[in-house]
C-alpha atoms as a PDB file:
ATOM      1  CA  MET A   1      -0.021   0.025   0.048  1.00  0.00           C
ATOM      2  CA  LYS A   2       2.800   2.330   0.938  1.00  0.00           C
ATOM      3  CA  SER A   3       4.601   1.693  -2.461  1.00  0.00           C
ATOM      4  CA  SER A   4       1.358   2.426  -4.351  1.00  0.00           C
ATOM      5  CA  SER A   5       0.939   5.709  -2.396  1.00  0.00           C
ATOM      6  CA  ALA A   6       4.489   6.673  -3.272  1.00  0.00           C
ATOM      7  CA  LEU A   7       3.920   5.861  -6.925  1.00  0.00           C
ATOM      8  CA  LEU A   8       0.771   7.953  -7.009  1.00  0.00           C
ATOM      9  CA  PHE A   9       2.623  10.872  -5.213  1.00  0.00           C
ATOM     10  CA  ALA A  10       5.539  10.660  -7.793  1.00  0.00           C
ATOM     11  CA  SER A  11       3.140  10.535 -10.699  1.00  0.00           C
ATOM     12  CA  THR A  12       1.300  13.732  -9.407  1.00  0.00           C
ATOM     13  CA  ILE A  13       4.674  15.515  -9.058  1.00  0.00           C
ATOM     14  CA  LEU A  14       5.578  14.660 -12.701  1.00  0.00           C
ATOM     15  CA  LEU A  15       2.187  15.667 -14.023  1.00  0.00           C
ATOM     16  CA  SER A  16       2.263  19.034 -12.135  1.00  0.00           C
ATOM     17  CA  SER A  17       5.921  19.838 -13.084  1.00  0.00           C
ATOM     18  CA  PRO A  18       6.331  22.269 -16.003  1.00  0.00           C
ATOM     19  CA  VAL A  19       7.712  20.648 -19.113  1.00  0.00           C
ATOM     20  CA  ALA A  20       9.693  22.637 -21.643  1.00  0.00           C
ATOM     21  CA  ALA A  21       8.129  22.667 -25.084  1.00  0.00           C
ATOM     22  CA  ALA A  22      10.202  20.992 -27.746  1.00  0.00           C
ATOM     23  CA  GLY A  23      12.781  23.280 -29.258  1.00  0.00           C
ATOM     24  CA  PRO A  24      13.136  24.127 -32.946  1.00  0.00           C
ATOM     25  CA  ASN A  25      15.444  22.362 -35.372  1.00  0.00           C
ATOM     26  CA  VAL A  26      18.763  24.416 -34.992  1.00  0.00           C
ATOM     27  CA  VAL A  27      21.915  24.083 -36.863  1.00  0.00           C
ATOM     28  CA  ALA A  28      25.449  25.303 -36.057  1.00  0.00           C
ATOM     29  CA  SER A  29      28.400  25.570 -38.278  1.00  0.00           C
ATOM     30  CA  ILE A  30      31.504  25.054 -36.204  1.00  0.00           C
ATOM     31  CA  LYS A  31      32.152  23.635 -32.678  1.00  0.00           C
ATOM     32  CA  PRO A  32      32.855  27.028 -31.005  1.00  0.00           C
ATOM     33  CA  VAL A  33      29.479  28.412 -32.413  1.00  0.00           C
ATOM     34  CA  HIS A  34      27.665  25.100 -31.563  1.00  0.00           C
ATOM     35  CA  SER A  35      29.035  25.294 -28.004  1.00  0.00           C
ATOM     36  CA  LEU A  36      27.444  28.737 -27.519  1.00  0.00           C
ATOM     37  CA  VAL A  37      24.276  27.682 -29.104  1.00  0.00           C
ATOM     38  CA  ALA A  38      24.080  24.430 -27.041  1.00  0.00           C
ATOM     39  CA  SER A  39      24.559  26.585 -23.776  1.00  0.00           C
ATOM     40  CA  ILE A  40      21.583  28.790 -24.617  1.00  0.00           C
ATOM     41  CA  MET A  41      19.439  25.687 -25.610  1.00  0.00           C
ATOM     42  CA  GLN A  42      20.218  23.551 -22.529  1.00  0.00           C
ATOM     43  CA  GLY A  43      17.128  22.032 -21.261  1.00  0.00           C
ATOM     44  CA  VAL A  44      15.118  22.771 -24.457  1.00  0.00           C
ATOM     45  CA  GLY A  45      17.043  20.941 -27.244  1.00  0.00           C
ATOM     46  CA  GLU A  46      20.323  20.235 -28.856  1.00  0.00           C
ATOM     47  CA  PRO A  47      21.587  21.943 -32.037  1.00  0.00           C
ATOM     48  CA  ALA A  48      23.129  19.950 -34.958  1.00  0.00           C
ATOM     49  CA  LEU A  49      26.592  20.538 -35.829  1.00  0.00           C
ATOM     50  CA  ILE A  50      27.986  20.731 -39.484  1.00  0.00           C
ATOM     51  CA  VAL A  51      31.859  20.579 -39.006  1.00  0.00           C
ATOM     52  CA  GLU A  52      32.315  17.591 -36.763  1.00  0.00           C
ATOM     53  CA  GLY A  53      35.337  15.800 -35.358  1.00  0.00           C
ATOM     54  CA  ALA A  54      38.739  17.116 -36.384  1.00  0.00           C
ATOM     55  CA  ALA A  55      37.608  18.686 -39.612  1.00  0.00           C
ATOM     56  CA  SER A  56      38.436  22.361 -40.283  1.00  0.00           C
ATOM     57  CA  PRO A  57      35.998  24.864 -41.836  1.00  0.00           C
ATOM     58  CA  HIS A  58      38.863  26.126 -44.036  1.00  0.00           C
ATOM     59  CA  THR A  59      38.969  22.807 -45.887  1.00  0.00           C
ATOM     60  CA  TYR A  60      35.494  21.291 -45.298  1.00  0.00           C
ATOM     61  CA  ASN A  61      33.342  19.541 -47.952  1.00  0.00           C
ATOM     62  CA  MET A  62      29.549  19.230 -47.279  1.00  0.00           C
ATOM     63  CA  LYS A  63      28.108  15.834 -46.656  1.00  0.00           C
ATOM     64  CA  PRO A  64      24.565  14.683 -47.663  1.00  0.00           C
ATOM     65  CA  SER A  65      23.633  14.503 -43.876  1.00  0.00           C
ATOM     66  CA  ASN A  66      24.733  18.195 -43.537  1.00  0.00           C
ATOM     67  CA  ALA A  67      22.487  19.231 -46.352  1.00  0.00           C
ATOM     68  CA  ALA A  68      19.583  17.326 -44.967  1.00  0.00           C
ATOM     69  CA  ALA A  69      20.040  18.995 -41.599  1.00  0.00           C
ATOM     70  CA  LEU A  70      20.093  22.401 -43.153  1.00  0.00           C
ATOM     71  CA  GLN A  71      16.933  21.677 -45.033  1.00  0.00           C
ATOM     72  CA  ALA A  72      15.190  20.681 -41.864  1.00  0.00           C
ATOM     73  CA  ALA A  73      16.439  23.614 -39.854  1.00  0.00           C
ATOM     74  CA  LYS A  74      14.411  26.483 -38.534  1.00  0.00           C
ATOM     75  CA  VAL A  75      17.471  28.473 -37.465  1.00  0.00           C
ATOM     76  CA  VAL A  76      21.005  28.204 -38.746  1.00  0.00           C
ATOM     77  CA  PHE A  77      24.092  29.973 -37.031  1.00  0.00           C
ATOM     78  CA  TRP A  78      27.373  30.476 -38.654  1.00  0.00           C
ATOM     79  CA  VAL A  79      30.160  33.002 -38.447  1.00  0.00           C
ATOM     80  CA  GLY A  80      30.039  34.022 -42.095  1.00  0.00           C
ATOM     81  CA  PRO A  81      31.424  33.374 -45.619  1.00  0.00           C
ATOM     82  CA  GLY A  82      34.847  34.735 -44.621  1.00  0.00           C
ATOM     83  CA  LEU A  83      35.247  31.583 -42.491  1.00  0.00           C
ATOM     84  CA  GLU A  84      32.830  28.842 -43.638  1.00  0.00           C
ATOM     85  CA  ALA A  85      33.042  29.621 -47.314  1.00  0.00           C
ATOM     86  CA  PHE A  86      31.719  26.075 -48.075  1.00  0.00           C
ATOM     87  CA  LEU A  87      28.306  27.059 -46.520  1.00  0.00           C
ATOM     88  CA  ASP A  88      27.691  30.154 -48.647  1.00  0.00           C
ATOM     89  CA  LYS A  89      25.976  28.475 -51.611  1.00  0.00           C
ATOM     90  CA  PRO A  90      24.134  25.787 -49.640  1.00  0.00           C
ATOM     91  CA  LEU A  91      22.621  28.523 -47.350  1.00  0.00           C
ATOM     92  CA  ASP A  92      21.661  30.534 -50.344  1.00  0.00           C
ATOM     93  CA  ALA A  93      19.827  27.447 -51.659  1.00  0.00           C
ATOM     94  CA  LEU A  94      17.803  26.751 -48.607  1.00  0.00           C
ATOM     95  CA  SER A  95      14.088  26.212 -49.481  1.00  0.00           C
ATOM     96  CA  GLY A  96      12.558  25.750 -46.041  1.00  0.00           C
ATOM     97  CA  GLY A  97      12.429  29.382 -44.944  1.00  0.00           C
ATOM     98  CA  ALA A  98      15.171  28.896 -42.221  1.00  0.00           C
ATOM     99  CA  LYS A  99      16.378  31.939 -40.286  1.00  0.00           C
ATOM    100  CA  VAL A 100      20.080  32.232 -41.177  1.00  0.00           C
ATOM    101  CA  VAL A 101      22.047  34.217 -38.639  1.00  0.00           C
ATOM    102  CA  GLU A 102      25.570  35.432 -39.515  1.00  0.00           C
ATOM    103  CA  LEU A 103      27.161  35.905 -36.142  1.00  0.00           C
ATOM    104  CA  SER A 104      30.039  38.088 -37.526  1.00  0.00           C
ATOM    105  CA  GLU A 105      27.347  40.763 -37.876  1.00  0.00           C
ATOM    106  CA  ALA A 106      26.146  40.416 -34.188  1.00  0.00           C
ATOM    107  CA  PRO A 107      25.870  43.899 -32.427  1.00  0.00           C
ATOM    108  CA  GLY A 108      28.517  44.581 -29.926  1.00  0.00           C
ATOM    109  CA  LEU A 109      31.430  42.618 -31.517  1.00  0.00           C
ATOM    110  CA  GLU A 110      34.944  44.012 -31.470  1.00  0.00           C
ATOM    111  CA  LYS A 111      36.180  43.258 -34.984  1.00  0.00           C
ATOM    112  CA  LEU A 112      39.896  43.444 -35.958  1.00  0.00           C
ATOM    113  CA  LYS A 113      41.198  43.975 -39.409  1.00  0.00           C
ATOM    114  CA  PHE A 114      42.489  40.923 -41.188  1.00  0.00           C
ATOM    115  CA  ARG A 115      46.269  40.739 -41.357  1.00  0.00           C
ATOM    116  CA  GLU A 116      48.203  39.727 -44.420  1.00  0.00           C
ATOM    117  CA  GLY A 117      51.613  38.179 -44.533  1.00  0.00           C
ATOM    118  CA  GLY A 118      52.148  35.127 -42.498  1.00  0.00           C
ATOM    119  CA  ALA A 119      55.542  36.259 -41.288  1.00  0.00           C
ATOM    120  CA  PHE A 120      54.197  39.662 -40.425  1.00  0.00           C
ATOM    121  CA  GLU A 121      57.165  41.123 -42.339  1.00  0.00           C
ATOM    122  CA  ALA A 122      56.267  44.815 -41.583  1.00  0.00           C
ATOM    123  CA  HIS A 123      56.650  44.328 -37.933  1.00  0.00           C
ATOM    124  CA  ASP A 124      59.163  46.422 -36.102  1.00  0.00           C
ATOM    125  CA  HIS A 125      61.153  43.947 -34.097  1.00  0.00           C
ATOM    126  CA  ASP A 126      62.506  46.316 -31.592  1.00  0.00           C
ATOM    127  CA  HIS A 127      60.386  45.463 -28.526  1.00  0.00           C
ATOM    128  CA  GLU A 128      62.186  47.756 -26.188  1.00  0.00           C
ATOM    129  CA  GLY A 129      59.748  50.659 -26.828  1.00  0.00           C
ATOM    130  CA  HIS A 130      56.817  48.388 -26.153  1.00  0.00           C
ATOM    131  CA  GLU A 131      56.999  47.500 -22.447  1.00  0.00           C
ATOM    132  CA  GLY A 132      54.018  45.675 -21.314  1.00  0.00           C
ATOM    133  CA  GLU A 133      52.525  45.326 -24.804  1.00  0.00           C
ATOM    134  CA  ALA A 134      52.064  42.234 -26.815  1.00  0.00           C
ATOM    135  CA  GLY A 135      53.844  41.717 -30.323  1.00  0.00           C
ATOM    136  CA  HIS A 136      51.237  42.142 -32.846  1.00  0.00           C
ATOM    137  CA  GLY A 137      52.498  40.804 -36.111  1.00  0.00           C
ATOM    138  CA  GLU A 138      52.482  42.609 -39.435  1.00  0.00           C
ATOM    139  CA  GLU A 139      50.421  45.483 -37.959  1.00  0.00           C
ATOM    140  CA  GLY A 140      53.119  46.008 -35.413  1.00  0.00           C
ATOM    141  CA  HIS A 141      51.880  47.178 -32.072  1.00  0.00           C
ATOM    142  CA  LYS A 142      48.929  48.947 -33.800  1.00  0.00           C
ATOM    143  CA  HIS A 143      45.786  47.797 -35.571  1.00  0.00           C
ATOM    144  CA  ALA A 144      44.292  49.253 -38.691  1.00  0.00           C
ATOM    145  CA  GLU A 145      43.667  52.868 -38.908  1.00  0.00           C
ATOM    146  CA  GLY A 146      40.738  53.915 -36.812  1.00  0.00           C
ATOM    147  CA  GLU A 147      40.983  51.040 -34.318  1.00  0.00           C
ATOM    148  CA  ALA A 148      41.956  51.384 -30.711  1.00  0.00           C
ATOM    149  CA  GLU A 149      45.448  50.355 -29.774  1.00  0.00           C
ATOM    150  CA  HIS A 150      44.945  47.717 -27.026  1.00  0.00           C
ATOM    151  CA  ASP A 151      42.442  49.893 -25.368  1.00  0.00           C
ATOM    152  CA  HIS A 152      39.830  47.360 -24.115  1.00  0.00           C
ATOM    153  CA  ALA A 153      37.757  50.167 -22.681  1.00  0.00           C
ATOM    154  CA  ALA A 154      37.332  51.759 -26.122  1.00  0.00           C
ATOM    155  CA  ALA A 155      33.955  51.361 -27.650  1.00  0.00           C
ATOM    156  CA  PRO A 156      33.962  48.253 -29.769  1.00  0.00           C
ATOM    157  CA  GLU A 157      32.992  48.449 -33.412  1.00  0.00           C
ATOM    158  CA  THR A 158      29.440  47.248 -33.840  1.00  0.00           C
ATOM    159  CA  ALA A 159      27.483  45.958 -36.851  1.00  0.00           C
ATOM    160  CA  ALA A 160      23.772  45.724 -37.321  1.00  0.00           C
ATOM    161  CA  ALA A 161      22.591  42.106 -37.444  1.00  0.00           C
ATOM    162  CA  HIS A 162      20.798  41.067 -40.569  1.00  0.00           C
ATOM    163  CA  ASP A 163      19.506  38.028 -42.294  1.00  0.00           C
ATOM    164  CA  HIS A 164      22.223  36.390 -44.448  1.00  0.00           C
ATOM    165  CA  ASP A 165      23.307  39.443 -46.388  1.00  0.00           C
ATOM    166  CA  HIS A 166      26.590  38.807 -48.198  1.00  0.00           C
ATOM    167  CA  ALA A 167      28.012  42.285 -48.236  1.00  0.00           C
ATOM    168  CA  HIS A 168      31.325  40.965 -46.956  1.00  0.00           C
ATOM    169  CA  GLU A 169      34.952  41.040 -47.768  1.00  0.00           C
ATOM    170  CA  GLY A 170      35.753  37.799 -45.979  1.00  0.00           C
ATOM    171  CA  HIS A 171      39.516  37.213 -45.479  1.00  0.00           C
ATOM    172  CA  ASP A 172      40.717  39.859 -47.924  1.00  0.00           C
ATOM    173  CA  HIS A 173      42.855  42.741 -46.748  1.00  0.00           C
ATOM    174  CA  ASP A 174      39.839  45.070 -46.433  1.00  0.00           C
ATOM    175  CA  GLY A 175      37.868  42.657 -44.325  1.00  0.00           C
ATOM    176  CA  PHE A 176      37.862  41.414 -40.718  1.00  0.00           C
ATOM    177  CA  ASP A 177      39.511  38.516 -39.150  1.00  0.00           C
ATOM    178  CA  MET A 178      36.829  35.973 -38.600  1.00  0.00           C
ATOM    179  CA  HIS A 179      38.083  34.080 -35.570  1.00  0.00           C
ATOM    180  CA  LEU A 180      35.878  36.265 -33.429  1.00  0.00           C
ATOM    181  CA  TRP A 181      35.143  33.696 -30.812  1.00  0.00           C
ATOM    182  CA  LEU A 182      38.730  33.765 -29.348  1.00  0.00           C
ATOM    183  CA  ASP A 183      37.830  36.695 -27.140  1.00  0.00           C
ATOM    184  CA  PRO A 184      35.192  35.828 -24.428  1.00  0.00           C
ATOM    185  CA  GLN A 185      33.661  39.373 -24.759  1.00  0.00           C
ATOM    186  CA  ASN A 186      32.940  38.689 -28.440  1.00  0.00           C
ATOM    187  CA  ALA A 187      31.456  35.228 -27.284  1.00  0.00           C
ATOM    188  CA  LYS A 188      29.117  37.161 -25.014  1.00  0.00           C
ATOM    189  CA  ALA A 189      27.996  39.310 -27.939  1.00  0.00           C
ATOM    190  CA  MET A 190      27.383  36.252 -30.117  1.00  0.00           C
ATOM    191  CA  ALA A 191      25.510  34.491 -27.317  1.00  0.00           C
ATOM    192  CA  THR A 192      23.223  37.546 -26.927  1.00  0.00           C
ATOM    193  CA  GLU A 193      22.419  37.358 -30.558  1.00  0.00           C
ATOM    194  CA  ILE A 194      21.823  33.675 -30.408  1.00  0.00           C
ATOM    195  CA  GLU A 195      19.435  34.103 -27.409  1.00  0.00           C
ATOM    196  CA  LYS A 196      17.578  36.824 -29.117  1.00  0.00           C
ATOM    197  CA  THR A 197      17.164  34.869 -32.340  1.00  0.00           C
ATOM    198  CA  LEU A 198      15.925  31.718 -30.480  1.00  0.00           C
ATOM    199  CA  ALA A 199      13.497  33.621 -28.282  1.00  0.00           C
ATOM    200  CA  GLU A 200      11.965  35.153 -31.499  1.00  0.00           C
ATOM    201  CA  ALA A 201      11.892  31.699 -33.260  1.00  0.00           C
ATOM    202  CA  ASP A 202      10.633  29.820 -30.194  1.00  0.00           C
ATOM    203  CA  PRO A 203       8.696  32.185 -27.897  1.00  0.00           C
ATOM    204  CA  ASP A 204       7.441  29.261 -25.736  1.00  0.00           C
ATOM    205  CA  ASN A 205      10.950  28.735 -24.472  1.00  0.00           C
ATOM    206  CA  ALA A 206      12.009  32.323 -24.328  1.00  0.00           C
ATOM    207  CA  ALA A 207      12.274  32.300 -20.548  1.00  0.00           C
ATOM    208  CA  ALA A 208      14.621  29.245 -20.640  1.00  0.00           C
ATOM    209  CA  TYR A 209      16.830  30.896 -23.252  1.00  0.00           C
ATOM    210  CA  LYS A 210      17.110  34.038 -21.205  1.00  0.00           C
ATOM    211  CA  ALA A 211      18.009  32.208 -18.017  1.00  0.00           C
ATOM    212  CA  ASN A 212      20.581  30.167 -19.986  1.00  0.00           C
ATOM    213  CA  LEU A 213      22.068  33.332 -21.292  1.00  0.00           C
ATOM    214  CA  GLU A 214      22.559  34.903 -17.886  1.00  0.00           C
ATOM    215  CA  LYS A 215      24.306  31.726 -16.595  1.00  0.00           C
ATOM    216  CA  LEU A 216      26.544  31.694 -19.710  1.00  0.00           C
ATOM    217  CA  ASN A 217      27.536  35.339 -19.231  1.00  0.00           C
ATOM    218  CA  LEU A 218      28.687  34.598 -15.875  1.00  0.00           C
ATOM    219  CA  ARG A 219      30.838  31.682 -16.855  1.00  0.00           C
ATOM    220  CA  LEU A 220      32.294  33.781 -19.654  1.00  0.00           C
ATOM    221  CA  ASP A 221      33.269  36.587 -17.349  1.00  0.00           C
ATOM    222  CA  ALA A 222      34.854  34.094 -14.999  1.00  0.00           C
ATOM    223  CA  LEU A 223      36.762  32.524 -17.944  1.00  0.00           C
ATOM    224  CA  ASP A 224      37.994  35.913 -18.995  1.00  0.00           C
ATOM    225  CA  LYS A 225      39.468  36.740 -15.593  1.00  0.00           C
ATOM    226  CA  SER A 226      40.972  33.176 -15.372  1.00  0.00           C
ATOM    227  CA  LEU A 227      42.788  33.622 -18.699  1.00  0.00           C
ATOM    228  CA  VAL A 228      44.285  37.034 -17.728  1.00  0.00           C
ATOM    229  CA  GLU A 229      45.942  35.143 -14.723  1.00  0.00           C
ATOM    230  CA  THR A 230      46.928  32.119 -16.756  1.00  0.00           C
ATOM    231  CA  VAL A 231      48.926  33.957 -19.435  1.00  0.00           C
ATOM    232  CA  ALA A 232      50.307  36.701 -17.285  1.00  0.00           C
ATOM    233  CA  PRO A 233      53.652  34.960 -16.367  1.00  0.00           C
ATOM    234  CA  VAL A 234      54.483  34.478 -20.186  1.00  0.00           C
ATOM    235  CA  LYS A 235      52.818  37.350 -22.032  1.00  0.00           C
ATOM    236  CA  ASP A 236      56.089  38.908 -22.894  1.00  0.00           C
ATOM    237  CA  LYS A 237      57.609  35.775 -24.666  1.00  0.00           C
ATOM    238  CA  PRO A 238      57.250  35.751 -28.497  1.00  0.00           C
ATOM    239  CA  PHE A 239      55.956  32.722 -30.327  1.00  0.00           C
ATOM    240  CA  ILE A 240      55.073  31.538 -33.752  1.00  0.00           C
ATOM    241  CA  VAL A 241      51.640  30.061 -34.756  1.00  0.00           C
ATOM    242  CA  PHE A 242      50.610  27.798 -37.526  1.00  0.00           C
ATOM    243  CA  HIS A 243      48.248  30.368 -39.089  1.00  0.00           C
ATOM    244  CA  ASP A 244      47.061  33.760 -38.001  1.00  0.00           C
ATOM    245  CA  ALA A 245      44.002  32.684 -36.165  1.00  0.00           C
ATOM    246  CA  TYR A 246      44.797  34.187 -32.673  1.00  0.00           C
ATOM    247  CA  GLN A 247      44.521  37.863 -33.158  1.00  0.00           C
ATOM    248  CA  TYR A 248      41.572  38.213 -30.924  1.00  0.00           C
ATOM    249  CA  PHE A 249      43.215  36.240 -28.145  1.00  0.00           C
ATOM    250  CA  GLU A 250      46.418  38.166 -28.681  1.00  0.00           C
ATOM    251  CA  HIS A 251      44.606  41.432 -28.568  1.00  0.00           C
ATOM    252  CA  ARG A 252      42.556  40.546 -25.440  1.00  0.00           C
ATOM    253  CA  TYR A 253      45.358  39.068 -23.452  1.00  0.00           C
ATOM    254  CA  GLN A 254      48.377  40.993 -24.630  1.00  0.00           C
ATOM    255  CA  VAL A 255      50.476  37.948 -25.756  1.00  0.00           C
ATOM    256  CA  ARG A 256      53.219  38.242 -28.234  1.00  0.00           C
ATOM    257  CA  VAL A 257      52.498  36.512 -31.582  1.00  0.00           C
ATOM    258  CA  ALA A 258      55.591  37.069 -33.654  1.00  0.00           C
ATOM    259  CA  GLY A 259      54.252  35.596 -36.940  1.00  0.00           C
ATOM    260  CA  SER A 260      52.648  32.533 -38.506  1.00  0.00           C
ATOM    261  CA  ILE A 261      53.969  29.657 -40.629  1.00  0.00           C
ATOM    262  CA  THR A 262      51.344  29.981 -43.419  1.00  0.00           C
ATOM    263  CA  VAL A 263      49.362  32.908 -44.575  1.00  0.00           C
ATOM    264  CA  SER A 264      46.335  30.736 -45.250  1.00  0.00           C
ATOM    265  CA  PRO A 265      45.686  27.232 -43.744  1.00  0.00           C
ATOM    266  CA  GLU A 266      44.203  26.114 -47.184  1.00  0.00           C
ATOM    267  CA  VAL A 267      47.753  26.689 -48.716  1.00  0.00           C
ATOM    268  CA  LEU A 268      50.743  25.009 -47.259  1.00  0.00           C
ATOM    269  CA  PRO A 269      54.025  26.994 -47.170  1.00  0.00           C
ATOM    270  CA  GLY A 270      56.842  26.410 -49.591  1.00  0.00           C
ATOM    271  CA  ALA A 271      60.561  26.075 -48.933  1.00  0.00           C
ATOM    272  CA  GLU A 272      61.080  29.857 -48.973  1.00  0.00           C
ATOM    273  CA  ARG A 273      58.368  30.561 -46.399  1.00  0.00           C
ATOM    274  CA  LEU A 274      59.805  27.993 -44.137  1.00  0.00           C
ATOM    275  CA  SER A 275      63.245  29.406 -44.424  1.00  0.00           C
ATOM    276  CA  GLN A 276      61.823  32.806 -43.569  1.00  0.00           C
ATOM    277  CA  ILE A 277      60.143  31.526 -40.378  1.00  0.00           C
ATOM    278  CA  HIS A 278      63.197  29.659 -39.494  1.00  0.00           C
ATOM    279  CA  ALA A 279      65.265  32.907 -39.701  1.00  0.00           C
ATOM    280  CA  LYS A 280      62.587  34.778 -37.809  1.00  0.00           C
ATOM    281  CA  ILE A 281      62.644  32.389 -34.844  1.00  0.00           C
ATOM    282  CA  LYS A 282      66.379  32.990 -34.538  1.00  0.00           C
ATOM    283  CA  GLU A 283      66.130  36.702 -35.004  1.00  0.00           C
ATOM    284  CA  LEU A 284      63.270  37.328 -32.386  1.00  0.00           C
ATOM    285  CA  GLY A 285      64.242  34.547 -29.974  1.00  0.00           C
ATOM    286  CA  ALA A 286      60.874  32.984 -30.424  1.00  0.00           C
ATOM    287  CA  THR A 287      60.617  30.422 -27.702  1.00  0.00           C
ATOM    288  CA  CYS A 288      57.721  28.309 -28.983  1.00  0.00           C
ATOM    289  CA  VAL A 289      56.220  27.354 -32.408  1.00  0.00           C
ATOM    290  CA  PHE A 290      52.710  25.979 -32.250  1.00  0.00           C
ATOM    291  CA  ALA A 291      51.048  23.455 -34.644  1.00  0.00           C
ATOM    292  CA  GLU A 292      47.375  22.802 -34.990  1.00  0.00           C
ATOM    293  CA  PRO A 293      45.767  19.465 -34.884  1.00  0.00           C
ATOM    294  CA  GLN A 294      44.228  19.488 -38.371  1.00  0.00           C
ATOM    295  CA  PHE A 295      47.403  20.239 -40.186  1.00  0.00           C
ATOM    296  CA  GLU A 296      50.726  18.718 -40.921  1.00  0.00           C
ATOM    297  CA  PRO A 297      52.916  18.777 -37.789  1.00  0.00           C
ATOM    298  CA  LYS A 298      56.176  17.911 -39.673  1.00  0.00           C
ATOM    299  CA  LEU A 299      56.289  21.582 -40.732  1.00  0.00           C
ATOM    300  CA  ILE A 300      56.810  22.621 -37.235  1.00  0.00           C
ATOM    301  CA  ASN A 301      59.770  20.383 -36.754  1.00  0.00           C
ATOM    302  CA  VAL A 302      61.400  21.858 -39.968  1.00  0.00           C
ATOM    303  CA  VAL A 303      61.171  25.491 -38.847  1.00  0.00           C
ATOM    304  CA  ILE A 304      62.493  24.754 -35.309  1.00  0.00           C
ATOM    305  CA  GLU A 305      65.359  22.595 -36.327  1.00  0.00           C
ATOM    306  CA  GLY A 306      68.608  24.083 -35.095  1.00  0.00           C
ATOM    307  CA  THR A 307      66.928  26.532 -32.839  1.00  0.00           C
ATOM    308  CA  PRO A 308      66.220  26.481 -29.186  1.00  0.00           C
ATOM    309  CA  ALA A 309      62.507  26.834 -29.862  1.00  0.00           C
ATOM    310  CA  LYS A 310      60.113  24.287 -28.533  1.00  0.00           C
ATOM    311  CA  SER A 311      56.935  22.968 -30.194  1.00  0.00           C
ATOM    312  CA  GLY A 312      53.452  22.991 -28.841  1.00  0.00           C
ATOM    313  CA  THR A 313      49.854  22.807 -30.095  1.00  0.00           C
ATOM    314  CA  LEU A 314      47.030  25.219 -30.144  1.00  0.00           C
ATOM    315  CA  ASP A 315      43.542  24.205 -31.223  1.00  0.00           C
ATOM    316  CA  PRO A 316      41.544  27.384 -32.142  1.00  0.00           C
ATOM    317  CA  GLU A 317      38.658  25.426 -33.708  1.00  0.00           C
ATOM    318  CA  ALA A 318      38.334  22.740 -31.057  1.00  0.00           C
ATOM    319  CA  ALA A 319      39.394  19.961 -33.368  1.00  0.00           C
ATOM    320  CA  THR A 320      40.278  17.543 -30.501  1.00  0.00           C
ATOM    321  CA  LEU A 321      37.306  18.395 -28.252  1.00  0.00           C
ATOM    322  CA  ASP A 322      33.833  16.764 -27.944  1.00  0.00           C
ATOM    323  CA  ALA A 323      31.066  19.089 -29.021  1.00  0.00           C
ATOM    324  CA  GLY A 324      28.766  20.517 -26.315  1.00  0.00           C
ATOM    325  CA  PRO A 325      28.118  23.319 -23.918  1.00  0.00           C
ATOM    326  CA  ASP A 326      31.462  23.058 -22.236  1.00  0.00           C
ATOM    327  CA  LEU A 327      33.540  22.842 -25.330  1.00  0.00           C
ATOM    328  CA  TYR A 328      34.027  26.722 -25.643  1.00  0.00           C
ATOM    329  CA  PHE A 329      35.469  26.869 -22.123  1.00  0.00           C
ATOM    330  CA  GLN A 330      37.698  23.820 -22.687  1.00  0.00           C
ATOM    331  CA  LEU A 331      38.884  25.479 -26.024  1.00  0.00           C
ATOM    332  CA  MET A 332      39.854  28.853 -24.421  1.00  0.00           C
ATOM    333  CA  GLU A 333      41.304  27.296 -21.249  1.00  0.00           C
ATOM    334  CA  GLY A 334      43.305  24.969 -23.529  1.00  0.00           C
ATOM    335  CA  ILE A 335      44.873  27.812 -25.479  1.00  0.00           C
ATOM    336  CA  GLY A 336      45.801  29.654 -22.350  1.00  0.00           C
ATOM    337  CA  THR A 337      47.318  26.415 -20.725  1.00  0.00           C
ATOM    338  CA  SER A 338      49.268  25.450 -23.866  1.00  0.00           C
ATOM    339  CA  LEU A 339      50.817  28.901 -24.097  1.00  0.00           C
ATOM    340  CA  LYS A 340      51.724  28.892 -20.486  1.00  0.00           C
ATOM    341  CA  THR A 341      53.188  25.373 -20.600  1.00  0.00           C
ATOM    342  CA  CYS A 342      55.396  25.826 -23.663  1.00  0.00           C
ATOM    343  CA  LEU A 343      56.562  29.223 -22.944  1.00  0.00           C
ATOM    344  CA  THR A 344      57.351  28.481 -19.405  1.00  0.00           C
ATOM    345  CA  SER A 345      59.493  25.439 -20.222  1.00  0.00           C
ATOM    346  CA  ALA A 346      61.278  27.194 -23.079  1.00  0.00           C
ATOM    347  CA  ASN A 347      64.600  28.928 -22.401  1.00  0.00           C
END
């Protein structure tokens, strides 16, 4: 009798508890975007992911399953054609009336000009006049004309959000670096746009999206503070990266990226480029050269041979991480930890 009463009580509780309405079909392009969307959708649903596993958006080819997910989507989130060029035509061809949100156009983003020249040749290598500043590659210790020089209090450039308008310049010299998520403050701006879009598309779950955004913002602020502390001991040590994907991390945390091995990850460097980077490592006393999981690690060994520089790995697109709400935090913490570990161990 007691067990029957307990069962009846449990059933009553379940029936009286509010049940979230089923969320809409949502698709995210790459893992960092998917992680932010998944955080906002927790308790409501799970977004689908296009670029899975260790694949890179720079070299990705669409699969039939990706096309099917897009056709069934009510909302699609991507960074923009300057990063996921493979999605440009498929999104134009969508027939289901999906809301397509280009997060590189989210209000409140701080956007940095794209830098050309993987070796950052125009950089003034005399760092003595830049105490407390990060080395900033080709643009030296300044950004493009009109941008704030490392002034995080300056008003960020904003752009009005719109529905899949392709008035973009991608990765050309007049455009913006599209690795926007590598600054937690930009992640907050993207998350705000994600929450707004989902609430409009799915008003039944608007309260859940809002609550999740508030929790996510608290986590992002804590992450930002933690990363400042993580890289503080090594921020003055120069290092080389595989490709110039880290400008936002560099700008936010004042670390010293001295150059990159390749201008574009789609095009592997030739012998002349490798020779230039090898010479730059010796010239600058760069202490670490960082590979990326998706690309050929042997190149790193070639450029550090005969130098005291050590090798490490940075994963800006989360190739080695499992997709989900925690991925963004693992990604950013991983970059900070990898920098600290390699640069601390180097001479």
